[in-house]
PDB file of all heavy atoms in Angstrom:
ATOM      1  N   PRO A   1       0.875  -1.277   0.066  1.00  0.00           N
ATOM      2  CA  PRO A   1      -0.018  -0.026   0.020  1.00  0.00           C
ATOM      3  C   PRO A   1       0.780   1.286   0.067  1.00  0.00           C
ATOM      4  O   PRO A   1       0.520   2.177  -0.677  1.00  0.00           O
ATOM      5  CB  PRO A   1      -0.792  -0.172   1.244  1.00  0.00           C
ATOM      6  CG  PRO A   1      -1.043  -1.630   1.480  1.00  0.00           C
ATOM      7  CD  PRO A   1       0.355  -2.244   1.004  1.00  0.00           C
ATOM      8  N   SER A   2       1.961   1.301   0.724  1.00  0.00           N
ATOM      9  CA  SER A   2       2.671   2.554   0.816  1.00  0.00           C
ATOM     10  C   SER A   2       3.413   2.770  -0.527  1.00  0.00           C
ATOM     11  O   SER A   2       3.473   3.939  -1.000  1.00  0.00           O
ATOM     12  CB  SER A   2       3.844   2.402   1.842  1.00  0.00           C
ATOM     13  OG  SER A   2       3.266   2.307   3.141  1.00  0.00           O
ATOM     14  N   GLU A   3       3.920   1.716  -1.157  1.00  0.00           N
ATOM     15  CA  GLU A   3       4.437   1.813  -2.490  1.00  0.00           C
ATOM     16  C   GLU A   3       3.457   2.295  -3.490  1.00  0.00           C
ATOM     17  O   GLU A   3       3.807   3.093  -4.427  1.00  0.00           O
ATOM     18  CB  GLU A   3       5.131   0.520  -2.900  1.00  0.00           C
ATOM     19  CG  GLU A   3       6.451   0.185  -2.093  1.00  0.00           C
ATOM     20  CD  GLU A   3       6.853  -1.274  -2.281  1.00  0.00           C
ATOM     21  OE1 GLU A   3       5.981  -2.116  -2.642  1.00  0.00           O
ATOM     22  OE2 GLU A   3       8.117  -1.427  -2.122  1.00  0.00           O
ATOM     23  N   GLN A   4       2.214   1.738  -3.343  1.00  0.00           N
ATOM     24  CA  GLN A   4       1.195   2.139  -4.345  1.00  0.00           C
ATOM     25  C   GLN A   4       1.005   3.748  -4.194  1.00  0.00           C
ATOM     26  O   GLN A   4       0.767   4.387  -5.173  1.00  0.00           O
ATOM     27  CB  GLN A   4      -0.035   1.360  -4.054  1.00  0.00           C
ATOM     28  CG  GLN A   4      -0.018  -0.114  -4.463  1.00  0.00           C
ATOM     29  CD  GLN A   4      -1.269  -0.754  -4.185  1.00  0.00           C
ATOM     30  OE1 GLN A   4      -2.330  -0.222  -4.253  1.00  0.00           O
ATOM     31  NE2 GLN A   4      -1.239  -2.051  -3.770  1.00  0.00           N
ATOM     32  N   MET A   5       0.901   4.186  -2.871  1.00  0.00           N
ATOM     33  CA  MET A   5       0.632   5.596  -2.851  1.00  0.00           C
ATOM     34  C   MET A   5       1.624   6.528  -3.364  1.00  0.00           C
ATOM     35  O   MET A   5       1.414   7.530  -3.856  1.00  0.00           O
ATOM     36  CB  MET A   5       0.411   5.882  -1.244  1.00  0.00           C
ATOM     37  CG  MET A   5      -0.835   5.264  -0.658  1.00  0.00           C
ATOM     38  SD  MET A   5      -2.384   5.653  -1.483  1.00  0.00           S
ATOM     39  CE  MET A   5      -2.682   4.159  -2.465  1.00  0.00           C
ATOM     40  N   LEU A   6       2.898   6.097  -3.156  1.00  0.00           N
ATOM     41  CA  LEU A   6       4.115   6.708  -3.588  1.00  0.00           C
ATOM     42  C   LEU A   6       4.055   6.831  -5.149  1.00  0.00           C
ATOM     43  O   LEU A   6       4.365   7.806  -5.736  1.00  0.00           O
ATOM     44  CB  LEU A   6       5.329   6.105  -3.169  1.00  0.00           C
ATOM     45  CG  LEU A   6       6.715   6.823  -3.568  1.00  0.00           C
ATOM     46  CD1 LEU A   6       6.805   8.156  -3.133  1.00  0.00           C
ATOM     47  CD2 LEU A   6       7.814   6.050  -3.051  1.00  0.00           C
ATOM     48  N   LEU A   7       3.745   5.659  -5.796  1.00  0.00           N
ATOM     49  CA  LEU A   7       3.753   5.570  -7.179  1.00  0.00           C
ATOM     50  C   LEU A   7       2.582   6.517  -7.786  1.00  0.00           C
ATOM     51  O   LEU A   7       2.773   7.106  -8.838  1.00  0.00           O
ATOM     52  CB  LEU A   7       3.422   4.113  -7.654  1.00  0.00           C
ATOM     53  CG  LEU A   7       3.403   3.769  -9.173  1.00  0.00           C
ATOM     54  CD1 LEU A   7       4.804   4.310  -9.744  1.00  0.00           C
ATOM     55  CD2 LEU A   7       3.152   2.402  -9.386  1.00  0.00           C
ATOM     56  N   ILE A   8       1.455   6.519  -7.111  1.00  0.00           N
ATOM     57  CA  ILE A   8       0.371   7.390  -7.557  1.00  0.00           C
ATOM     58  C   ILE A   8       0.842   8.804  -7.503  1.00  0.00           C
ATOM     59  O   ILE A   8       0.560   9.624  -8.524  1.00  0.00           O
ATOM     60  CB  ILE A   8      -0.868   7.246  -6.647  1.00  0.00           C
ATOM     61  CG1 ILE A   8      -1.553   5.881  -6.894  1.00  0.00           C
ATOM     62  CG2 ILE A   8      -1.932   8.319  -6.908  1.00  0.00           C
ATOM     63  CD1 ILE A   8      -2.666   5.538  -5.925  1.00  0.00           C
ATOM     64  N   ALA A   9       1.421   9.268  -6.360  1.00  0.00           N
ATOM     65  CA  ALA A   9       1.955  10.649  -6.328  1.00  0.00           C
ATOM     66  C   ALA A   9       2.916  10.976  -7.518  1.00  0.00           C
ATOM     67  O   ALA A   9       2.917  12.046  -8.021  1.00  0.00           O
ATOM     68  CB  ALA A   9       2.670  10.793  -5.060  1.00  0.00           C
ATOM     69  N   ILE A  10       3.953  10.076  -7.726  1.00  0.00           N
ATOM     70  CA  ILE A  10       4.868  10.287  -8.799  1.00  0.00           C
ATOM     71  C   ILE A  10       4.308  10.342 -10.117  1.00  0.00           C
ATOM     72  O   ILE A  10       4.509  11.244 -10.919  1.00  0.00           O
ATOM     73  CB  ILE A  10       6.018   9.167  -8.741  1.00  0.00           C
ATOM     74  CG1 ILE A  10       6.749   9.316  -7.394  1.00  0.00           C
ATOM     75  CG2 ILE A  10       6.902   9.292  -9.935  1.00  0.00           C
ATOM     76  CD1 ILE A  10       7.714   8.148  -7.170  1.00  0.00           C
ATOM     77  N   LEU A  11       3.516   9.339 -10.457  1.00  0.00           N
ATOM     78  CA  LEU A  11       2.813   9.186 -11.742  1.00  0.00           C
ATOM     79  C   LEU A  11       1.860  10.425 -12.017  1.00  0.00           C
ATOM     80  O   LEU A  11       1.690  10.924 -13.170  1.00  0.00           O
ATOM     81  CB  LEU A  11       2.131   7.987 -11.946  1.00  0.00           C
ATOM     82  CG  LEU A  11       3.046   6.756 -12.066  1.00  0.00           C
ATOM     83  CD1 LEU A  11       2.168   5.461 -12.195  1.00  0.00           C
ATOM     84  CD2 LEU A  11       4.022   6.831 -13.169  1.00  0.00           C
ATOM     85  N   SER A  12       1.071  10.846 -10.950  1.00  0.00           N
ATOM     86  CA  SER A  12       0.227  11.971 -11.040  1.00  0.00           C
ATOM     87  C   SER A  12       0.999  13.254 -11.417  1.00  0.00           C
ATOM     88  O   SER A  12       0.568  14.097 -12.214  1.00  0.00           O
ATOM     89  CB  SER A  12      -0.498  12.229  -9.818  1.00  0.00           C
ATOM     90  OG  SER A  12      -1.446  11.088  -9.523  1.00  0.00           O
ATOM     91  N   LYS A  13       2.162  13.434 -10.823  1.00  0.00           N
ATOM     92  CA  LYS A  13       2.909  14.610 -11.012  1.00  0.00           C
ATOM     93  C   LYS A  13       3.448  14.626 -12.494  1.00  0.00           C
ATOM     94  O   LYS A  13       3.489  15.622 -13.315  1.00  0.00           O
ATOM     95  CB  LYS A  13       4.122  14.665 -10.098  1.00  0.00           C
ATOM     96  CG  LYS A  13       5.090  15.830 -10.382  1.00  0.00           C
ATOM     97  CD  LYS A  13       6.230  15.782  -9.298  1.00  0.00           C
ATOM     98  CE  LYS A  13       7.235  17.029  -9.512  1.00  0.00           C
ATOM     99  NZ  LYS A  13       8.252  17.035  -8.578  1.00  0.00           N
ATOM    100  N   LEU A  14       3.872  13.358 -12.948  1.00  0.00           N
ATOM    101  CA  LEU A  14       4.323  13.218 -14.303  1.00  0.00           C
ATOM    102  C   LEU A  14       3.225  13.482 -15.362  1.00  0.00           C
ATOM    103  O   LEU A  14       3.458  14.116 -16.352  1.00  0.00           O
ATOM    104  CB  LEU A  14       4.997  11.854 -14.521  1.00  0.00           C
ATOM    105  CG  LEU A  14       5.848  11.557 -15.632  1.00  0.00           C
ATOM    106  CD1 LEU A  14       7.072  12.545 -15.569  1.00  0.00           C
ATOM    107  CD2 LEU A  14       6.379  10.161 -15.526  1.00  0.00           C
ATOM    108  N   ASP A  15       1.959  12.984 -15.004  1.00  0.00           N
ATOM    109  CA  ASP A  15       0.953  13.039 -15.921  1.00  0.00           C
ATOM    110  C   ASP A  15       0.511  14.461 -16.023  1.00  0.00           C
ATOM    111  O   ASP A  15       0.120  15.042 -17.101  1.00  0.00           O
ATOM    112  CB  ASP A  15      -0.324  12.279 -15.335  1.00  0.00           C
ATOM    113  CG  ASP A  15      -1.501  12.384 -16.276  1.00  0.00           C
ATOM    114  OD1 ASP A  15      -1.578  11.849 -17.364  1.00  0.00           O
ATOM    115  OD2 ASP A  15      -2.511  12.969 -15.783  1.00  0.00           O
ATOM    116  N   GLU A  16       0.433  15.181 -14.938  1.00  0.00           N
ATOM    117  CA  GLU A  16       0.009  16.752 -14.979  1.00  0.00           C
ATOM    118  C   GLU A  16       1.021  17.453 -15.761  1.00  0.00           C
ATOM    119  O   GLU A  16       0.662  18.387 -16.521  1.00  0.00           O
ATOM    120  CB  GLU A  16       0.079  17.167 -13.470  1.00  0.00           C
ATOM    121  CG  GLU A  16      -1.094  16.711 -12.706  1.00  0.00           C
ATOM    122  CD  GLU A  16      -1.039  17.131 -11.190  1.00  0.00           C
ATOM    123  OE1 GLU A  16      -0.075  17.988 -10.823  1.00  0.00           O
ATOM    124  OE2 GLU A  16      -1.829  16.814 -10.476  1.00  0.00           O
ATOM    125  N   PHE A  17       2.298  17.132 -15.777  1.00  0.00           N
ATOM    126  CA  PHE A  17       3.369  17.862 -16.462  1.00  0.00           C
ATOM    127  C   PHE A  17       3.135  17.630 -18.070  1.00  0.00           C
ATOM    128  O   PHE A  17       3.028  18.629 -18.772  1.00  0.00           O
ATOM    129  CB  PHE A  17       4.774  17.271 -16.069  1.00  0.00           C
ATOM    130  CG  PHE A  17       5.887  17.840 -17.049  1.00  0.00           C
ATOM    131  CD1 PHE A  17       6.409  19.057 -16.814  1.00  0.00           C
ATOM    132  CD2 PHE A  17       6.335  17.029 -18.041  1.00  0.00           C
ATOM    133  CE1 PHE A  17       7.493  19.567 -17.595  1.00  0.00           C
ATOM    134  CE2 PHE A  17       7.326  17.452 -18.933  1.00  0.00           C
ATOM    135  CZ  PHE A  17       7.836  18.778 -18.752  1.00  0.00           C
ATOM    136  N   HIS A  18       2.947  16.405 -18.444  1.00  0.00           N
ATOM    137  CA  HIS A  18       2.781  16.054 -19.895  1.00  0.00           C
ATOM    138  C   HIS A  18       1.408  16.577 -20.300  1.00  0.00           C
ATOM    139  O   HIS A  18       1.285  17.027 -21.519  1.00  0.00           O
ATOM    140  CB  HIS A  18       2.941  14.551 -20.085  1.00  0.00           C
ATOM    141  CG  HIS A  18       4.373  14.161 -19.856  1.00  0.00           C
ATOM    142  ND1 HIS A  18       5.440  14.570 -20.656  1.00  0.00           N
ATOM    143  CD2 HIS A  18       4.894  13.295 -18.986  1.00  0.00           C
ATOM    144  CE1 HIS A  18       6.567  14.005 -20.262  1.00  0.00           C
ATOM    145  NE2 HIS A  18       6.238  13.286 -19.176  1.00  0.00           N
ATOM    146  N   ASP A  19       0.331  16.435 -19.513  1.00  0.00           N
ATOM    147  CA  ASP A  19      -0.910  16.868 -19.923  1.00  0.00           C
ATOM    148  C   ASP A  19      -1.017  18.331 -20.159  1.00  0.00           C
ATOM    149  O   ASP A  19      -1.682  18.807 -21.027  1.00  0.00           O
ATOM    150  CB  ASP A  19      -2.014  16.469 -18.895  1.00  0.00           C
ATOM    151  CG  ASP A  19      -3.403  16.800 -19.274  1.00  0.00           C
ATOM    152  OD1 ASP A  19      -3.816  16.051 -20.279  1.00  0.00           O
ATOM    153  OD2 ASP A  19      -4.155  17.615 -18.614  1.00  0.00           O
ATOM    154  N   SER A  20      -0.197  19.137 -19.435  1.00  0.00           N
ATOM    155  CA  SER A  20      -0.190  20.612 -19.618  1.00  0.00           C
ATOM    156  C   SER A  20       0.303  20.970 -21.189  1.00  0.00           C
ATOM    157  O   SER A  20      -0.160  21.956 -21.681  1.00  0.00           O
ATOM    158  CB  SER A  20       0.691  21.326 -18.647  1.00  0.00           C
ATOM    159  OG  SER A  20       2.127  20.994 -18.823  1.00  0.00           O
ATOM    160  N   PHE A  21       1.119  20.097 -21.633  1.00  0.00           N
ATOM    161  CA  PHE A  21       1.506  20.357 -23.044  1.00  0.00           C
ATOM    162  C   PHE A  21       0.642  19.695 -24.069  1.00  0.00           C
ATOM    163  O   PHE A  21       0.312  20.184 -25.146  1.00  0.00           O
ATOM    164  CB  PHE A  21       3.028  19.746 -23.286  1.00  0.00           C
ATOM    165  CG  PHE A  21       4.009  20.437 -22.444  1.00  0.00           C
ATOM    166  CD1 PHE A  21       4.487  20.024 -21.266  1.00  0.00           C
ATOM    167  CD2 PHE A  21       4.553  21.669 -22.921  1.00  0.00           C
ATOM    168  CE1 PHE A  21       5.528  20.669 -20.622  1.00  0.00           C
ATOM    169  CE2 PHE A  21       5.574  22.401 -22.337  1.00  0.00           C
ATOM    170  CZ  PHE A  21       5.984  21.877 -21.096  1.00  0.00           C
ATOM    171  N   TYR A  22       0.094  18.571 -23.752  1.00  0.00           N
ATOM    172  CA  TYR A  22      -0.837  17.787 -24.512  1.00  0.00           C
ATOM    173  C   TYR A  22      -2.047  18.694 -24.874  1.00  0.00           C
ATOM    174  O   TYR A  22      -2.571  18.616 -26.004  1.00  0.00           O
ATOM    175  CB  TYR A  22      -1.216  16.509 -23.940  1.00  0.00           C
ATOM    176  CG  TYR A  22      -2.226  15.623 -24.692  1.00  0.00           C
ATOM    177  CD1 TYR A  22      -1.737  14.972 -25.777  1.00  0.00           C
ATOM    178  CD2 TYR A  22      -3.595  15.529 -24.313  1.00  0.00           C
ATOM    179  CE1 TYR A  22      -2.681  14.095 -26.611  1.00  0.00           C
ATOM    180  CE2 TYR A  22      -4.446  14.742 -25.015  1.00  0.00           C
ATOM    181  CZ  TYR A  22      -3.992  14.114 -26.130  1.00  0.00           C
ATOM    182  OH  TYR A  22      -4.878  13.354 -26.880  1.00  0.00           O
ATOM    183  N   ARG A  23      -2.592  19.441 -23.865  1.00  0.00           N
ATOM    184  CA  ARG A  23      -3.756  20.223 -24.089  1.00  0.00           C
ATOM    185  C   ARG A  23      -3.595  21.382 -25.017  1.00  0.00           C
ATOM    186  O   ARG A  23      -4.481  22.027 -25.362  1.00  0.00           O
ATOM    187  CB  ARG A  23      -4.129  20.700 -22.678  1.00  0.00           C
ATOM    188  CG  ARG A  23      -4.787  19.544 -21.805  1.00  0.00           C
ATOM    189  CD  ARG A  23      -5.294  20.143 -20.456  1.00  0.00           C
ATOM    190  NE  ARG A  23      -5.828  19.152 -19.723  1.00  0.00           N
ATOM    191  CZ  ARG A  23      -7.063  18.641 -19.723  1.00  0.00           C
ATOM    192  NH1 ARG A  23      -7.862  19.237 -20.617  1.00  0.00           N
ATOM    193  NH2 ARG A  23      -7.493  17.712 -19.042  1.00  0.00           N
ATOM    194  N   LEU A  24      -2.295  21.683 -25.335  1.00  0.00           N
ATOM    195  CA  LEU A  24      -2.004  22.814 -26.311  1.00  0.00           C
ATOM    196  C   LEU A  24      -2.245  22.400 -27.752  1.00  0.00           C
ATOM    197  O   LEU A  24      -2.321  23.281 -28.549  1.00  0.00           O
ATOM    198  CB  LEU A  24      -0.540  23.227 -26.098  1.00  0.00           C
ATOM    199  CG  LEU A  24      -0.075  23.854 -24.690  1.00  0.00           C
ATOM    200  CD1 LEU A  24       1.433  24.110 -24.686  1.00  0.00           C
ATOM    201  CD2 LEU A  24      -0.968  25.055 -24.337  1.00  0.00           C
TER     202      LEU A  24
END
């Protein structure tokens, strides 16, 4: 569970970064 939460946080940050460009 702890690793899952950490992975969610990391992947969410990465997704937000790329999505900001994708939406352009």
